[in-house]
């Protein structure tokens, strides 16, 4: 009996050691990829939709949009440490389903401190469910009517602008514009804003310069005008788009325009998740 107990104890001990090795091998590398002290921006491949995650140097986490389904959960689980179940801030650019469906389950599974939403976007069944989840989870809801600057840490800020307060005509595609500036690196994310909003932004003289621009409306010809791209003066354009989508995004004219301006184009339908770290 003692011999059997001894053998069982050894088997259990070996299983624990083997299990620990597996955890170290499979989990830690993913966590370590995200644990450096530099800012990281990930544009997730969520198909025909938008979602991007920002990590600051001190580890603050901002999610902008959540894609058209629950793929976002797999991406968050891949890049965040297994014990990380929180997000400092979630921003909803607008209420179209390809930007927000994944956020419902995200709010259920992650503690979200703050949720920023546009004050005058059209509410939907999905957005109502989002608000319900936020209230149940005691997430602070911030309705953005004009602009908000958040100083995340030294030399690192997030500026959110609702184009409607600048006089942009009401449109279901009007989106919160996010500008992430950190240690001299500049990102601009424009949701689904169309050329009418771009003209308003230019007319109001907003500082739009960015190294990386997330193409508006998945590279649609209704956005990403020549004047706007020249004002942004970008180096890289990220296009969040689904493979073989029915909208034929991105438009070939936008790709041609980027090439003529010497802009490097990165597409999620070709490259998958696009990770930019410094």
Protein backbone atom coordinates (compact mmCIF):
# COMPACT_ATOMS: atom_id res chain seq x y z
CA UNK A 1 0.00 0.00 0.00
CA UNK A 2 2.86 2.36 0.89
CA UNK A 3 4.54 1.52 -2.41
CA UNK A 4 1.38 2.31 -4.38
CA UNK A 5 0.99 5.63 -2.48
CA UNK A 6 4.61 6.47 -3.17
CA UNK A 7 4.21 5.78 -6.90
CA UNK A 8 1.02 7.87 -7.02
CA UNK A 9 2.73 10.78 -5.26
CA UNK A 10 5.56 10.69 -7.78
CA UNK A 11 3.11 10.64 -10.68
CA UNK A 12 1.23 13.62 -9.25
CA UNK A 13 4.47 15.51 -8.66
CA UNK A 14 5.62 14.78 -12.22
CA UNK A 15 2.27 15.91 -13.61
CA UNK A 16 2.50 19.19 -11.67
CA UNK A 17 6.02 19.83 -12.93
CA UNK A 18 5.02 18.99 -16.50
CA UNK A 19 1.95 21.21 -16.24
CA UNK A 20 4.05 24.09 -14.90
CA UNK A 21 6.47 23.73 -17.79
CA UNK A 22 3.57 23.85 -20.25
CA UNK A 23 2.21 27.00 -18.61
CA UNK A 24 5.63 28.67 -18.75
CA UNK A 25 6.14 27.61 -22.36
CA UNK A 26 2.72 28.52 -23.74
CA UNK A 27 1.53 31.40 -21.58
CA UNK A 28 4.55 33.43 -20.59
CA UNK A 29 5.89 34.07 -24.11
CA UNK A 30 2.61 35.74 -25.05
CA UNK A 31 2.60 37.79 -21.86
CA UNK A 32 6.24 38.75 -22.22
CA UNK A 33 5.63 40.03 -25.74
CA UNK A 34 3.34 42.59 -24.17
CA UNK A 35 5.28 43.37 -21.00
CA UNK A 36 8.06 45.61 -22.31
CA UNK A 37 8.22 49.24 -21.19
CA UNK A 38 7.47 50.69 -24.62
CA UNK A 39 4.14 51.66 -26.19
CA UNK A 40 2.47 49.05 -28.38
CA UNK A 41 -0.46 49.45 -30.78
CA UNK A 42 -2.18 46.39 -32.25
CA UNK A 43 -4.66 46.62 -35.09
CA UNK A 44 -6.62 43.39 -34.77
CA UNK A 45 -7.68 41.29 -37.71
CA UNK A 46 -11.41 41.11 -36.96
CA UNK A 47 -12.56 40.65 -40.54
CA UNK A 48 -14.74 43.38 -42.01
CA UNK A 49 -14.66 45.63 -38.98
CA UNK A 50 -12.44 47.68 -36.70
CA UNK A 51 -10.66 47.06 -33.42
CA UNK A 52 -7.34 48.32 -32.05
CA UNK A 53 -5.58 47.91 -28.71
CA UNK A 54 -3.16 50.44 -27.25
CA UNK A 55 -0.74 49.66 -24.43
CA UNK A 56 1.23 52.53 -22.93
CA UNK A 57 4.72 52.23 -21.51
CA UNK A 58 3.34 51.89 -17.98
CA UNK A 59 0.81 49.26 -19.02
CA UNK A 60 -2.41 51.23 -19.38
CA UNK A 61 -4.76 49.52 -21.84
CA UNK A 62 -7.12 51.25 -24.27
CA UNK A 63 -9.39 49.38 -26.69
CA UNK A 64 -10.90 51.29 -29.61
CA UNK A 65 -13.90 49.45 -31.10
CA UNK A 66 -14.47 45.71 -30.89
CA UNK A 67 -15.20 44.33 -34.34
CA UNK A 68 -18.25 42.52 -35.77
CA UNK A 69 -18.18 39.39 -33.58
CA UNK A 70 -16.32 37.77 -30.68
CA UNK A 71 -12.96 37.32 -32.47
CA UNK A 72 -11.75 40.20 -30.30
CA UNK A 73 -11.80 37.91 -27.24
CA UNK A 74 -9.34 35.53 -28.85
CA UNK A 75 -7.04 38.40 -29.75
CA UNK A 76 -7.15 39.92 -26.26
CA UNK A 77 -6.47 36.52 -24.76
CA UNK A 78 -3.48 36.05 -27.04
CA UNK A 79 -1.72 39.33 -26.31
CA UNK A 80 -2.66 40.13 -22.73
CA UNK A 81 -1.21 38.14 -19.83
CA UNK A 82 -3.58 35.36 -18.72
CA UNK A 83 -4.15 37.11 -15.39
CA UNK A 84 -5.06 40.45 -17.03
CA UNK A 85 -8.83 40.83 -17.00
CA UNK A 86 -9.18 44.59 -17.18
CA UNK A 87 -9.12 47.49 -19.64
CA UNK A 88 -8.58 51.05 -18.51
CA UNK A 89 -10.62 52.53 -21.33
CA UNK A 90 -12.85 51.37 -24.18
CA UNK A 91 -13.76 53.84 -26.93
CA UNK A 92 -16.72 53.33 -29.26
CA UNK A 93 -16.10 55.32 -32.42
CA UNK A 94 -19.76 54.94 -33.51
CA UNK A 95 -22.53 52.38 -33.23
CA UNK A 96 -22.23 50.37 -36.44
CA UNK A 97 -22.26 46.65 -35.71
CA UNK A 98 -18.90 45.93 -37.37
CA UNK A 99 -17.33 48.14 -34.71
CA UNK A 100 -19.22 47.20 -31.55
CA UNK A 101 -20.67 43.66 -31.48
CA UNK A 102 -17.50 42.21 -29.95
CA UNK A 103 -17.62 44.75 -27.13
CA UNK A 104 -20.72 43.20 -25.53
CA UNK A 105 -18.88 40.04 -24.51
CA UNK A 106 -15.73 42.03 -23.80
CA UNK A 107 -17.60 44.04 -21.17
CA UNK A 108 -18.89 40.80 -19.67
CA UNK A 109 -15.46 39.22 -19.39
CA UNK A 110 -13.20 42.18 -18.65
CA UNK A 111 -13.38 44.87 -16.01
CA UNK A 112 -13.60 48.13 -17.93
CA UNK A 113 -13.02 51.30 -15.94
CA UNK A 114 -14.28 53.81 -18.52
CA UNK A 115 -16.38 53.64 -21.68
CA UNK A 116 -16.37 56.63 -24.08
CA UNK A 117 -19.25 56.90 -26.54
CA UNK A 118 -20.36 59.60 -29.00
CA UNK A 119 -23.29 61.53 -27.59
CA UNK A 120 -25.21 61.92 -30.82
CA UNK A 121 -24.74 58.61 -32.66
CA UNK A 122 -27.75 56.52 -33.56
CA UNK A 123 -28.48 54.04 -30.76
CA UNK A 124 -29.07 50.40 -31.72
CA UNK A 125 -30.11 47.18 -30.01
CA UNK A 126 -26.44 46.28 -29.63
CA UNK A 127 -25.52 49.65 -28.14
CA UNK A 128 -28.38 49.34 -25.64
CA UNK A 129 -27.00 45.96 -24.58
CA UNK A 130 -23.57 47.56 -24.22
CA UNK A 131 -24.94 50.24 -21.91
CA UNK A 132 -26.74 47.57 -19.89
CA UNK A 133 -23.53 45.61 -19.44
CA UNK A 134 -21.58 48.75 -18.57
CA UNK A 135 -24.07 49.73 -15.87
CA UNK A 136 -24.17 46.23 -14.42
CA UNK A 137 -20.38 46.14 -14.29
CA UNK A 138 -20.18 49.67 -12.86
CA UNK A 139 -18.22 50.96 -15.83
CA UNK A 140 -18.16 54.75 -16.02
CA UNK A 141 -19.86 55.92 -19.25
CA UNK A 142 -18.49 59.14 -20.74
CA UNK A 143 -20.60 60.67 -23.50
CA UNK A 144 -18.43 62.75 -25.79
CA UNK A 145 -20.02 65.81 -27.36
CA UNK A 146 -16.87 67.73 -28.25
CA UNK A 147 -13.35 66.61 -27.36
CA UNK A 148 -11.47 64.99 -24.53
CA UNK A 149 -7.74 64.91 -23.87
CA UNK A 150 -6.47 62.20 -21.54
CA UNK A 151 -2.93 62.51 -20.22
CA UNK A 152 -2.05 58.85 -19.87
CA UNK A 153 1.45 59.40 -18.53
CA UNK A 154 4.45 61.64 -19.12
CA UNK A 155 4.80 62.40 -22.86
CA UNK A 156 1.85 60.19 -23.70
CA UNK A 157 -1.75 61.29 -24.37
CA UNK A 158 -4.98 60.27 -26.05
CA UNK A 159 -7.18 62.92 -27.66
CA UNK A 160 -10.74 62.05 -28.66
CA UNK A 161 -12.77 64.37 -30.90
CA UNK A 162 -16.42 64.19 -31.89
CA UNK A 163 -16.55 65.86 -35.34
CA UNK A 164 -20.16 66.92 -34.91
CA UNK A 165 -19.23 69.76 -32.58
CA UNK A 166 -17.06 71.21 -35.37
CA UNK A 167 -20.12 71.47 -37.60
CA UNK A 168 -20.02 68.16 -39.44
CA UNK A 169 -23.42 67.28 -40.84
CA UNK A 170 -25.08 64.41 -38.95
CA UNK A 171 -24.30 61.09 -40.60
CA UNK A 172 -24.39 57.50 -39.35
CA UNK A 173 -20.73 57.10 -40.32
CA UNK A 174 -19.57 60.08 -38.24
CA UNK A 175 -17.10 58.70 -35.72
CA UNK A 176 -14.98 59.74 -32.77
CA UNK A 177 -11.46 60.52 -33.96
CA UNK A 178 -8.70 59.11 -31.77
CA UNK A 179 -5.19 60.58 -31.69
CA UNK A 180 -2.63 58.66 -29.67
CA UNK A 181 0.66 60.52 -29.20
CA UNK A 182 3.36 58.83 -27.18
CA UNK A 183 7.07 59.67 -26.95
CA UNK A 184 6.97 61.33 -30.36
CA UNK A 185 5.06 58.52 -32.08
CA UNK A 186 1.68 59.60 -33.47
CA UNK A 187 -1.35 57.51 -34.41
CA UNK A 188 -4.63 58.69 -35.94
CA UNK A 189 -7.75 56.51 -36.03
CA UNK A 190 -10.77 57.91 -37.84
CA UNK A 191 -13.49 55.28 -37.51
CA UNK A 192 -15.80 55.44 -40.54
CA UNK A 193 -15.64 59.20 -41.11
CA UNK A 194 -16.27 60.22 -44.70
CA UNK A 195 -14.94 63.09 -46.80
CA UNK A 196 -17.52 65.54 -45.41
CA UNK A 197 -15.95 65.12 -41.97
CA UNK A 198 -12.45 65.31 -43.41
CA UNK A 199 -13.29 68.67 -44.97
CA UNK A 200 -14.62 69.96 -41.65
CA UNK A 201 -11.48 68.83 -39.83
CA UNK A 202 -9.27 70.57 -42.37
CA UNK A 203 -11.39 73.73 -42.32
CA UNK A 204 -11.09 73.95 -38.53
CA UNK A 205 -7.32 73.66 -38.70
CA UNK A 206 -7.02 70.65 -36.38
CA UNK A 207 -3.54 69.23 -35.92
CA UNK A 208 -3.87 65.90 -37.74
CA UNK A 209 -0.27 64.89 -38.27
CA UNK A 210 0.44 61.22 -37.68
CA UNK A 211 3.04 58.60 -38.51
CA UNK A 212 0.41 55.87 -38.67
CA UNK A 213 -3.14 56.42 -39.92
CA UNK A 214 -5.88 53.81 -39.62
CA UNK A 215 -7.66 54.31 -42.93
CA UNK A 216 -11.19 55.59 -42.53
CA UNK A 217 -14.13 53.33 -43.37
CA UNK A 218 -11.93 50.32 -44.24
CA UNK A 219 -10.31 52.12 -47.16
CA UNK A 220 -13.54 53.31 -48.76
CA UNK A 221 -13.46 55.76 -51.67
CA UNK A 222 -15.98 57.87 -49.71
CA UNK A 223 -13.13 58.79 -47.35
CA UNK A 224 -9.34 59.10 -47.32
CA UNK A 225 -9.28 62.08 -49.66
CA UNK A 226 -6.04 63.34 -51.17
CA UNK A 227 -6.13 66.62 -49.22
CA UNK A 228 -6.74 64.79 -45.97
CA UNK A 229 -3.92 62.28 -46.46
CA UNK A 230 -1.56 65.10 -47.39
CA UNK A 231 -2.51 66.98 -44.20
CA UNK A 232 -1.95 63.90 -42.04
CA UNK A 233 1.44 63.48 -43.74
CA UNK A 234 1.54 59.83 -42.73
CA UNK A 235 4.18 57.20 -43.27
CA UNK A 236 2.04 54.08 -42.87
CA UNK A 237 -1.63 53.44 -43.52
CA UNK A 238 -3.32 50.52 -41.77
CA UNK A 239 -6.48 49.23 -43.43
CA UNK A 240 -8.73 47.12 -41.23
CA UNK A 241 -10.71 45.05 -43.70
CA UNK A 242 -12.15 41.57 -44.26
CA UNK A 243 -10.94 39.28 -47.00
CA UNK A 244 -13.17 39.21 -50.11
CA UNK A 245 -15.72 41.52 -48.45
CA UNK A 246 -18.91 42.43 -50.32
CA UNK A 247 -18.06 46.15 -50.27
CA UNK A 248 -14.83 45.64 -52.26
CA UNK A 249 -12.88 47.47 -49.56
CA UNK A 250 -10.30 48.83 -49.81
CA UNK A 251 -11.02 50.74 -53.00
CA UNK A 252 -8.29 50.42 -55.64
CA UNK A 253 -8.18 54.23 -55.97
CA UNK A 254 -7.23 54.56 -52.30
CA UNK A 255 -4.42 52.05 -52.70
CA UNK A 256 -3.21 53.90 -55.78
CA UNK A 257 -3.43 57.23 -53.94
CA UNK A 258 -1.34 55.89 -51.08
CA UNK A 259 1.28 54.51 -53.45
CA UNK A 260 1.56 57.84 -55.27
CA UNK A 261 2.10 59.59 -51.92
CA UNK A 262 4.78 57.09 -50.94
CA UNK A 263 2.67 55.68 -48.09
CA UNK A 264 3.31 52.13 -46.88
CA UNK A 265 0.01 50.20 -46.76
CA UNK A 266 -0.59 47.41 -44.24
CA UNK A 267 -3.84 45.44 -44.53
CA UNK A 268 -5.31 43.11 -41.92
CA UNK A 269 -6.86 40.87 -44.60
CA UNK A 270 -3.35 40.16 -45.89
CA UNK A 271 -1.11 40.50 -42.82
CA UNK A 272 -3.49 39.52 -40.00
CA UNK A 273 -2.90 41.35 -36.73
CA UNK A 274 -0.66 44.36 -37.26
CA UNK A 275 1.58 45.04 -34.27
CA UNK A 276 3.52 48.30 -33.99
CA UNK A 277 5.91 48.53 -31.06
CA UNK A 278 8.75 50.91 -30.26
